[in-house]
Amino acid sequence: MEETCRRALEFGLPAIAFTDHADFNPFPAAEWHQLDVAGYLDCIERCRAAFPDLRLLSGVELGEPHRFAEEAARVLAAGRLDRVLGSVHCVEWGGVLVDTSVKGILTAADAPALMGEYLAELLALVESSQPFEILAHVDYPKRYWPEALEYDDSRFEEPLRAVLRAAARRGSVLEVNTTRARIMCPGAAIVGWWREEGGAAVSFGSDAHDPSKLAAGFELAAQQVEAAGFRPAADPTGYWLR
């Protein structure tokens, strides 16, 4: 975290947010992220003291909180967090909740059906009463799409728009996640649909997982969001608004 703060100052970033994972699905076990909120917040405070010229926000990304409501509630009750993201990584497949990032899950034969299941799961999250503000990487499986199968947003436009409409109704913020400059989640078309469906705000995340990837891809992301009709706020920690 300290190295990330140093890089933020080197880049001239006025503010950053650390939104660490809190995932509760135990499959696969290696991907299960249990957040120590007290320890995390202690690290945040130490970084704030060490880097007083940087606005530093705390946060969490809750994985499938609509399925793990008690676990998510315990995380949120453990300390004050500035940003709360809701996300879906896992879908029910073969009777088991599986993360679509796991190698071999998104085959060319199964990817379209799995994407449909993912979007249904995402809609269930958005329509739930879970108290998240930002909806993260709405087309997450696209990151792991099989090379043998072309990915096309328009193929999933109807269920994607249903998710965006529901998110707009609840006043959510849409995250544009640059995946460490590898791929935009979502891309320009979906950001445009977000505005058309009534979405009012956008946030940016680099999903860095490493200080070297901080803000990677943000220039392109900002261009796409601005082209869709959103503008930056005066407050560097604020969302881009329509």
C-alpha atoms as a PDB file:
ATOM      1  CA  MET A   1       0.000   0.000   0.000  1.00  0.00           C
ATOM      2  CA  GLU A   2       2.851   2.384   0.821  1.00  0.00           C
ATOM      3  CA  GLU A   3       4.496   1.747  -2.545  1.00  0.00           C
ATOM      4  CA  THR A   4       1.174   2.406  -4.275  1.00  0.00           C
ATOM      5  CA  CYS A   5       0.882   5.724  -2.440  1.00  0.00           C
ATOM      6  CA  ARG A   6       4.404   6.674  -3.529  1.00  0.00           C
ATOM      7  CA  ARG A   7       3.556   5.915  -7.145  1.00  0.00           C
ATOM      8  CA  ALA A   8       0.331   7.922  -6.891  1.00  0.00           C
ATOM      9  CA  LEU A   9       2.328  10.979  -5.834  1.00  0.00           C
ATOM     10  CA  GLU A  10       4.868  10.363  -8.601  1.00  0.00           C
ATOM     11  CA  PHE A  11       2.022  10.331 -11.130  1.00  0.00           C
ATOM     12  CA  GLY A  12       0.503  13.485  -9.656  1.00  0.00           C
ATOM     13  CA  LEU A  13      -2.676  11.728  -8.572  1.00  0.00           C
ATOM     14  CA  PRO A  14      -4.482  13.782  -5.918  1.00  0.00           C
ATOM     15  CA  ALA A  15      -6.435  10.845  -4.490  1.00  0.00           C
ATOM     16  CA  ILE A  16      -6.714   7.055  -4.576  1.00  0.00           C
ATOM     17  CA  ALA A  17      -8.951   4.427  -2.993  1.00  0.00           C
ATOM     18  CA  PHE A  18      -7.936   0.964  -1.848  1.00  0.00           C
ATOM     19  CA  THR A  19     -10.975  -1.298  -2.342  1.00  0.00           C
ATOM     20  CA  ASP A  20      -9.701  -4.643  -1.145  1.00  0.00           C
ATOM     21  CA  HIS A  21     -11.522  -7.906  -1.882  1.00  0.00           C
ATOM     22  CA  ALA A  22     -13.893  -9.610   0.534  1.00  0.00           C
ATOM     23  CA  ASP A  23     -14.965 -12.871  -1.110  1.00  0.00           C
ATOM     24  CA  PHE A  24     -16.861 -15.606   0.686  1.00  0.00           C
ATOM     25  CA  ASN A  25     -17.264 -18.413  -1.835  1.00  0.00           C
ATOM     26  CA  PRO A  26     -14.759 -21.167  -0.919  1.00  0.00           C
ATOM     27  CA  PHE A  27     -14.270 -22.449  -4.497  1.00  0.00           C
ATOM     28  CA  PRO A  28     -11.525 -22.460  -5.437  1.00  0.00           C
ATOM     29  CA  ALA A  29      -9.991 -22.093  -1.985  1.00  0.00           C
ATOM     30  CA  ALA A  30      -6.983 -20.219  -3.357  1.00  0.00           C
ATOM     31  CA  GLU A  31      -9.258 -17.432  -4.543  1.00  0.00           C
ATOM     32  CA  TRP A  32     -11.064 -16.947  -1.209  1.00  0.00           C
ATOM     33  CA  HIS A  33     -10.202 -13.485   0.094  1.00  0.00           C
ATOM     34  CA  GLN A  34     -11.159 -12.944   3.748  1.00  0.00           C
ATOM     35  CA  LEU A  35     -10.585  -9.312   4.629  1.00  0.00           C
ATOM     36  CA  ASP A  36      -9.147  -8.412   8.040  1.00  0.00           C
ATOM     37  CA  VAL A  37     -10.976  -5.089   8.288  1.00  0.00           C
ATOM     38  CA  ALA A  38      -9.230  -3.905  11.456  1.00  0.00           C
ATOM     39  CA  GLY A  39      -5.784  -4.655  10.051  1.00  0.00           C
ATOM     40  CA  TYR A  40      -6.711  -3.104   6.723  1.00  0.00           C
ATOM     41  CA  LEU A  41      -7.945   0.117   8.334  1.00  0.00           C
ATOM     42  CA  ASP A  42      -4.792   0.287  10.438  1.00  0.00           C
ATOM     43  CA  CYS A  43      -2.755   0.171   7.212  1.00  0.00           C
ATOM     44  CA  ILE A  44      -4.934   2.923   5.739  1.00  0.00           C
ATOM     45  CA  GLU A  45      -4.319   5.175   8.740  1.00  0.00           C
ATOM     46  CA  ARG A  46      -0.564   4.570   8.632  1.00  0.00           C
ATOM     47  CA  CYS A  47      -0.526   5.483   4.942  1.00  0.00           C
ATOM     48  CA  ARG A  48      -2.576   8.624   5.600  1.00  0.00           C
ATOM     49  CA  ALA A  49      -0.039   9.687   8.213  1.00  0.00           C
ATOM     50  CA  ALA A  50       2.906   8.887   5.944  1.00  0.00           C
ATOM     51  CA  PHE A  51       1.464  10.597   2.847  1.00  0.00           C
ATOM     52  CA  PRO A  52      -0.449  13.688   4.026  1.00  0.00           C
ATOM     53  CA  ASP A  53      -0.507  15.226   0.524  1.00  0.00           C
ATOM     54  CA  LEU A  54      -2.533  12.303  -0.853  1.00  0.00           C
ATOM     55  CA  ARG A  55      -6.282  11.925  -0.351  1.00  0.00           C
ATOM     56  CA  LEU A  56      -6.641   8.290   0.622  1.00  0.00           C
ATOM     57  CA  LEU A  57     -10.023   6.544   0.705  1.00  0.00           C
ATOM     58  CA  SER A  58     -10.807   3.193   2.265  1.00  0.00           C
ATOM     59  CA  GLY A  59     -13.090   0.660   0.658  1.00  0.00           C
ATOM     60  CA  VAL A  60     -14.076  -2.910  -0.009  1.00  0.00           C
ATOM     61  CA  GLU A  61     -15.238  -4.971  -2.964  1.00  0.00           C
ATOM     62  CA  LEU A  62     -17.870  -7.433  -1.766  1.00  0.00           C
ATOM     63  CA  GLY A  63     -18.102 -10.572  -3.883  1.00  0.00           C
ATOM     64  CA  GLU A  64     -21.658 -11.919  -4.298  1.00  0.00           C
ATOM     65  CA  PRO A  65     -22.942 -10.217  -1.113  1.00  0.00           C
ATOM     66  CA  HIS A  66     -26.523 -11.133  -2.051  1.00  0.00           C
ATOM     67  CA  ARG A  67     -25.544 -14.791  -1.591  1.00  0.00           C
ATOM     68  CA  PHE A  68     -23.444 -14.175   1.520  1.00  0.00           C
ATOM     69  CA  ALA A  69     -25.466 -11.509   3.305  1.00  0.00           C
ATOM     70  CA  GLU A  70     -24.345 -12.352   6.857  1.00  0.00           C
ATOM     71  CA  GLU A  71     -20.672 -12.450   5.916  1.00  0.00           C
ATOM     72  CA  ALA A  72     -20.940  -9.165   4.027  1.00  0.00           C
ATOM     73  CA  ALA A  73     -22.768  -7.527   6.932  1.00  0.00           C
ATOM     74  CA  ARG A  74     -19.960  -8.526   9.311  1.00  0.00           C
ATOM     75  CA  VAL A  75     -17.393  -6.891   7.031  1.00  0.00           C
ATOM     76  CA  LEU A  76     -19.381  -3.658   6.839  1.00  0.00           C
ATOM     77  CA  ALA A  77     -19.967  -3.627  10.591  1.00  0.00           C
ATOM     78  CA  ALA A  78     -16.258  -4.005  11.351  1.00  0.00           C
ATOM     79  CA  GLY A  79     -15.302  -0.421  10.501  1.00  0.00           C
ATOM     80  CA  ARG A  80     -16.151   2.656   8.472  1.00  0.00           C
ATOM     81  CA  LEU A  81     -15.385   2.337   4.760  1.00  0.00           C
ATOM     82  CA  ASP A  82     -15.532   5.202   2.263  1.00  0.00           C
ATOM     83  CA  ARG A  83     -16.351   3.107  -0.805  1.00  0.00           C
ATOM     84  CA  VAL A  84     -18.342  -0.124  -1.045  1.00  0.00           C
ATOM     85  CA  LEU A  85     -18.336  -2.021  -4.332  1.00  0.00           C
ATOM     86  CA  GLY A  86     -20.649  -4.887  -5.200  1.00  0.00           C
ATOM     87  CA  SER A  87     -19.395  -7.457  -7.663  1.00  0.00           C
ATOM     88  CA  VAL A  88     -20.014 -10.874  -9.134  1.00  0.00           C
ATOM     89  CA  HIS A  89     -17.145 -13.206  -9.933  1.00  0.00           C
ATOM     90  CA  CYS A  90     -18.915 -16.539  -9.494  1.00  0.00           C
ATOM     91  CA  VAL A  91     -21.839 -18.263 -11.157  1.00  0.00           C
ATOM     92  CA  GLU A  92     -23.621 -21.486 -10.321  1.00  0.00           C
ATOM     93  CA  TRP A  93     -22.459 -24.115 -12.778  1.00  0.00           C
ATOM     94  CA  GLY A  94     -22.918 -27.833 -12.330  1.00  0.00           C
ATOM     95  CA  GLY A  95     -24.379 -27.228  -8.890  1.00  0.00           C
ATOM     96  CA  VAL A  96     -21.290 -25.360  -7.661  1.00  0.00           C
ATOM     97  CA  LEU A  97     -20.441 -21.663  -7.456  1.00  0.00           C
ATOM     98  CA  VAL A  98     -17.408 -21.253  -9.712  1.00  0.00           C
ATOM     99  CA  ASP A  99     -15.326 -18.188 -10.505  1.00  0.00           C
ATOM    100  CA  THR A 100     -15.297 -17.558 -14.237  1.00  0.00           C
ATOM    101  CA  SER A 101     -11.615 -16.640 -13.997  1.00  0.00           C
ATOM    102  CA  VAL A 102     -10.675 -20.238 -13.203  1.00  0.00           C
ATOM    103  CA  LYS A 103      -8.814 -21.800 -16.102  1.00  0.00           C
ATOM    104  CA  GLY A 104     -10.981 -24.176 -18.120  1.00  0.00           C
ATOM    105  CA  ILE A 105     -14.345 -22.788 -16.944  1.00  0.00           C
ATOM    106  CA  LEU A 106     -15.005 -20.500 -19.923  1.00  0.00           C
ATOM    107  CA  THR A 107     -14.716 -22.920 -22.812  1.00  0.00           C
ATOM    108  CA  ALA A 108     -15.791 -21.967 -26.315  1.00  0.00           C
ATOM    109  CA  ALA A 109     -18.799 -24.248 -25.961  1.00  0.00           C
ATOM    110  CA  ASP A 110     -19.924 -22.967 -22.557  1.00  0.00           C
ATOM    111  CA  ALA A 111     -18.906 -19.292 -22.554  1.00  0.00           C
ATOM    112  CA  PRO A 112     -22.154 -17.803 -23.951  1.00  0.00           C
ATOM    113  CA  ALA A 113     -24.310 -19.753 -21.490  1.00  0.00           C
ATOM    114  CA  LEU A 114     -21.997 -18.868 -18.616  1.00  0.00           C
ATOM    115  CA  MET A 115     -22.180 -15.206 -19.580  1.00  0.00           C
ATOM    116  CA  GLY A 116     -25.960 -15.471 -19.434  1.00  0.00           C
ATOM    117  CA  GLU A 117     -25.746 -16.997 -15.968  1.00  0.00           C
ATOM    118  CA  TYR A 118     -23.311 -14.289 -14.916  1.00  0.00           C
ATOM    119  CA  LEU A 119     -25.633 -11.482 -16.006  1.00  0.00           C
ATOM    120  CA  ALA A 120     -28.581 -13.128 -14.252  1.00  0.00           C
ATOM    121  CA  GLU A 121     -26.464 -13.311 -11.087  1.00  0.00           C
ATOM    122  CA  LEU A 122     -25.461  -9.671 -11.523  1.00  0.00           C
ATOM    123  CA  LEU A 123     -29.107  -8.637 -11.868  1.00  0.00           C
ATOM    124  CA  ALA A 124     -29.926 -10.526  -8.664  1.00  0.00           C
ATOM    125  CA  LEU A 125     -27.177  -8.576  -6.900  1.00  0.00           C
ATOM    126  CA  VAL A 126     -28.424  -5.229  -8.211  1.00  0.00           C
ATOM    127  CA  GLU A 127     -32.025  -6.005  -7.289  1.00  0.00           C
ATOM    128  CA  SER A 128     -31.044  -7.128  -3.793  1.00  0.00           C
ATOM    129  CA  SER A 129     -31.051  -4.952  -0.688  1.00  0.00           C
ATOM    130  CA  GLN A 130     -27.283  -5.172  -0.271  1.00  0.00           C
ATOM    131  CA  PRO A 131     -25.858  -1.731   0.646  1.00  0.00           C
ATOM    132  CA  PHE A 132     -23.191  -1.296  -1.995  1.00  0.00           C
ATOM    133  CA  GLU A 133     -22.758   1.921  -3.955  1.00  0.00           C
ATOM    134  CA  ILE A 134     -20.518   1.038  -6.923  1.00  0.00           C
ATOM    135  CA  LEU A 135     -21.265  -1.788  -9.362  1.00  0.00           C
ATOM    136  CA  ALA A 136     -17.967  -3.332 -10.383  1.00  0.00           C
ATOM    137  CA  HIS A 137     -16.812  -4.727 -13.765  1.00  0.00           C
ATOM    138  CA  VAL A 138     -20.239  -5.593 -15.191  1.00  0.00           C
ATOM    139  CA  ASP A 139     -18.817  -7.774 -17.984  1.00  0.00           C
ATOM    140  CA  TYR A 140     -16.188  -9.527 -15.864  1.00  0.00           C
ATOM    141  CA  PRO A 141     -16.166 -12.849 -17.823  1.00  0.00           C
ATOM    142  CA  LYS A 142     -14.997 -10.941 -20.906  1.00  0.00           C
ATOM    143  CA  ARG A 143     -11.531 -10.835 -19.339  1.00  0.00           C
ATOM    144  CA  TYR A 144     -11.249 -14.616 -19.620  1.00  0.00           C
ATOM    145  CA  TRP A 145     -13.134 -15.132 -22.879  1.00  0.00           C
ATOM    146  CA  PRO A 146     -11.800 -18.056 -24.948  1.00  0.00           C
ATOM    147  CA  GLU A 147      -9.638 -16.958 -27.867  1.00  0.00           C
ATOM    148  CA  ALA A 148     -11.515 -19.294 -30.191  1.00  0.00           C
ATOM    149  CA  LEU A 149     -14.760 -17.385 -29.632  1.00  0.00           C
ATOM    150  CA  GLU A 150     -15.296 -13.733 -30.579  1.00  0.00           C
ATOM    151  CA  TYR A 151     -16.704 -11.556 -27.822  1.00  0.00           C
ATOM    152  CA  ASP A 152     -19.379  -9.047 -28.828  1.00  0.00           C
ATOM    153  CA  ASP A 153     -21.216  -6.763 -26.360  1.00  0.00           C
ATOM    154  CA  SER A 154     -24.242  -6.606 -28.639  1.00  0.00           C
ATOM    155  CA  ARG A 155     -24.821 -10.339 -28.233  1.00  0.00           C
ATOM    156  CA  PHE A 156     -25.671  -9.681 -24.577  1.00  0.00           C
ATOM    157  CA  GLU A 157     -27.198  -6.221 -24.955  1.00  0.00           C
ATOM    158  CA  GLU A 158     -30.663  -7.035 -23.594  1.00  0.00           C
ATOM    159  CA  PRO A 159     -29.554  -8.616 -20.277  1.00  0.00           C
ATOM    160  CA  LEU A 160     -26.818  -6.010 -19.887  1.00  0.00           C
ATOM    161  CA  ARG A 161     -29.323  -3.207 -20.308  1.00  0.00           C
ATOM    162  CA  ALA A 162     -31.595  -4.884 -17.758  1.00  0.00           C
ATOM    163  CA  VAL A 163     -28.732  -4.805 -15.245  1.00  0.00           C
ATOM    164  CA  LEU A 164     -27.939  -1.174 -16.080  1.00  0.00           C
ATOM    165  CA  ARG A 165     -31.579  -0.092 -15.751  1.00  0.00           C
ATOM    166  CA  ALA A 166     -31.870  -1.758 -12.360  1.00  0.00           C
ATOM    167  CA  ALA A 167     -28.576  -0.219 -11.243  1.00  0.00           C
ATOM    168  CA  ALA A 168     -29.713   3.232 -12.375  1.00  0.00           C
ATOM    169  CA  ARG A 169     -32.986   2.843 -10.460  1.00  0.00           C
ATOM    170  CA  ARG A 170     -31.131   2.125  -7.231  1.00  0.00           C
ATOM    171  CA  GLY A 171     -28.761   5.057  -7.795  1.00  0.00           C
ATOM    172  CA  SER A 172     -25.638   2.950  -8.271  1.00  0.00           C
ATOM    173  CA  VAL A 173     -22.355   4.171  -9.701  1.00  0.00           C
ATOM    174  CA  LEU A 174     -20.930   2.249 -12.658  1.00  0.00           C
ATOM    175  CA  GLU A 175     -17.276   1.288 -12.362  1.00  0.00           C
ATOM    176  CA  VAL A 176     -15.104   1.399 -15.473  1.00  0.00           C
ATOM    177  CA  ASN A 177     -12.378  -1.097 -14.656  1.00  0.00           C
ATOM    178  CA  THR A 178      -9.282  -0.941 -16.848  1.00  0.00           C
ATOM    179  CA  THR A 179      -7.930  -4.364 -15.777  1.00  0.00           C
ATOM    180  CA  ARG A 180      -4.396  -3.017 -15.487  1.00  0.00           C
ATOM    181  CA  ALA A 181      -4.652  -1.515 -19.011  1.00  0.00           C
ATOM    182  CA  ARG A 182      -5.441  -4.913 -20.531  1.00  0.00           C
ATOM    183  CA  ILE A 183      -9.167  -4.596 -21.203  1.00  0.00           C
ATOM    184  CA  MET A 184     -11.948  -2.166 -20.373  1.00  0.00           C
ATOM    185  CA  CYS A 185     -14.713  -3.626 -18.194  1.00  0.00           C
ATOM    186  CA  PRO A 186     -17.024  -2.316 -19.467  1.00  0.00           C
ATOM    187  CA  GLY A 187     -16.113  -0.898 -22.844  1.00  0.00           C
ATOM    188  CA  ALA A 188     -17.422   2.199 -24.570  1.00  0.00           C
ATOM    189  CA  ALA A 189     -20.680   0.642 -25.824  1.00  0.00           C
ATOM    190  CA  ILE A 190     -21.850  -0.352 -22.351  1.00  0.00           C
ATOM    191  CA  VAL A 191     -20.888   3.023 -20.879  1.00  0.00           C
ATOM    192  CA  GLY A 192     -23.105   4.556 -23.557  1.00  0.00           C
ATOM    193  CA  TRP A 193     -25.951   2.201 -22.642  1.00  0.00           C
ATOM    194  CA  TRP A 194     -25.469   3.181 -19.000  1.00  0.00           C
ATOM    195  CA  ARG A 195     -26.192   6.798 -19.837  1.00  0.00           C
ATOM    196  CA  GLU A 196     -29.150   5.847 -22.045  1.00  0.00           C
ATOM    197  CA  GLU A 197     -30.659   3.743 -19.245  1.00  0.00           C
ATOM    198  CA  GLY A 198     -30.471   6.616 -16.780  1.00  0.00           C
ATOM    199  CA  GLY A 199     -27.101   6.032 -15.128  1.00  0.00           C
ATOM    200  CA  ALA A 200     -25.878   9.212 -13.488  1.00  0.00           C
ATOM    201  CA  ALA A 201     -22.339   8.493 -12.294  1.00  0.00           C
ATOM    202  CA  VAL A 202     -19.144   6.646 -13.200  1.00  0.00           C
ATOM    203  CA  SER A 203     -16.069   5.700 -11.191  1.00  0.00           C
ATOM    204  CA  PHE A 204     -12.676   4.391 -12.323  1.00  0.00           C
ATOM    205  CA  GLY A 205     -10.701   1.409 -11.096  1.00  0.00           C
ATOM    206  CA  SER A 206      -7.442  -0.017 -12.386  1.00  0.00           C
ATOM    207  CA  ASP A 207      -7.823  -3.287 -10.436  1.00  0.00           C
ATOM    208  CA  ALA A 208      -4.111  -2.843  -9.938  1.00  0.00           C
ATOM    209  CA  HIS A 209      -3.270  -5.642  -7.462  1.00  0.00           C
ATOM    210  CA  ASP A 210       0.279  -4.281  -7.792  1.00  0.00           C
ATOM    211  CA  PRO A 211       1.711  -0.751  -7.431  1.00  0.00           C
ATOM    212  CA  SER A 212       3.158  -0.836 -10.952  1.00  0.00           C
ATOM    213  CA  LYS A 213      -0.340  -1.029 -12.451  1.00  0.00           C
ATOM    214  CA  LEU A 214      -1.862   1.887 -10.566  1.00  0.00           C
ATOM    215  CA  ALA A 215      -4.138   3.949 -12.868  1.00  0.00           C
ATOM    216  CA  ALA A 216      -3.036   1.901 -15.891  1.00  0.00           C
ATOM    217  CA  GLY A 217      -5.403   2.583 -18.773  1.00  0.00           C
ATOM    218  CA  PHE A 218      -7.087   5.578 -17.159  1.00  0.00           C
ATOM    219  CA  GLU A 219      -6.409   7.938 -20.053  1.00  0.00           C
ATOM    220  CA  LEU A 220      -8.354   5.748 -22.489  1.00  0.00           C
ATOM    221  CA  ALA A 221     -11.053   5.096 -19.909  1.00  0.00           C
ATOM    222  CA  ALA A 222     -11.522   8.821 -19.322  1.00  0.00           C
ATOM    223  CA  GLN A 223     -11.831   9.416 -23.070  1.00  0.00           C
ATOM    224  CA  GLN A 224     -14.526   6.750 -23.379  1.00  0.00           C
ATOM    225  CA  VAL A 225     -16.468   8.006 -20.376  1.00  0.00           C
ATOM    226  CA  GLU A 226     -16.294  11.604 -21.563  1.00  0.00           C
ATOM    227  CA  ALA A 227     -17.465  10.563 -25.025  1.00  0.00           C
ATOM    228  CA  ALA A 228     -20.524   9.000 -23.388  1.00  0.00           C
ATOM    229  CA  GLY A 229     -21.429  12.348 -21.835  1.00  0.00           C
ATOM    230  CA  PHE A 230     -19.941  12.222 -18.331  1.00  0.00           C
ATOM    231  CA  ARG A 231     -17.730  14.931 -16.875  1.00  0.00           C
ATOM    232  CA  PRO A 232     -15.277  14.972 -13.952  1.00  0.00           C
ATOM    233  CA  ALA A 233     -16.214  16.480 -10.609  1.00  0.00           C
ATOM    234  CA  ALA A 234     -14.244  19.316  -9.041  1.00  0.00           C
ATOM    235  CA  ASP A 235     -13.536  17.104  -6.030  1.00  0.00           C
ATOM    236  CA  PRO A 236     -10.777  14.632  -6.988  1.00  0.00           C
ATOM    237  CA  THR A 237     -12.529  11.913  -4.992  1.00  0.00           C
ATOM    238  CA  GLY A 238     -15.848  12.595  -6.715  1.00  0.00           C
ATOM    239  CA  TYR A 239     -17.526  10.551  -9.411  1.00  0.00           C
ATOM    240  CA  TRP A 240     -17.856  11.613 -13.038  1.00  0.00           C
ATOM    241  CA  LEU A 241     -21.419  12.825 -13.578  1.00  0.00           C
ATOM    242  CA  ARG A 242     -23.667  13.253 -16.586  1.00  0.00           C
END
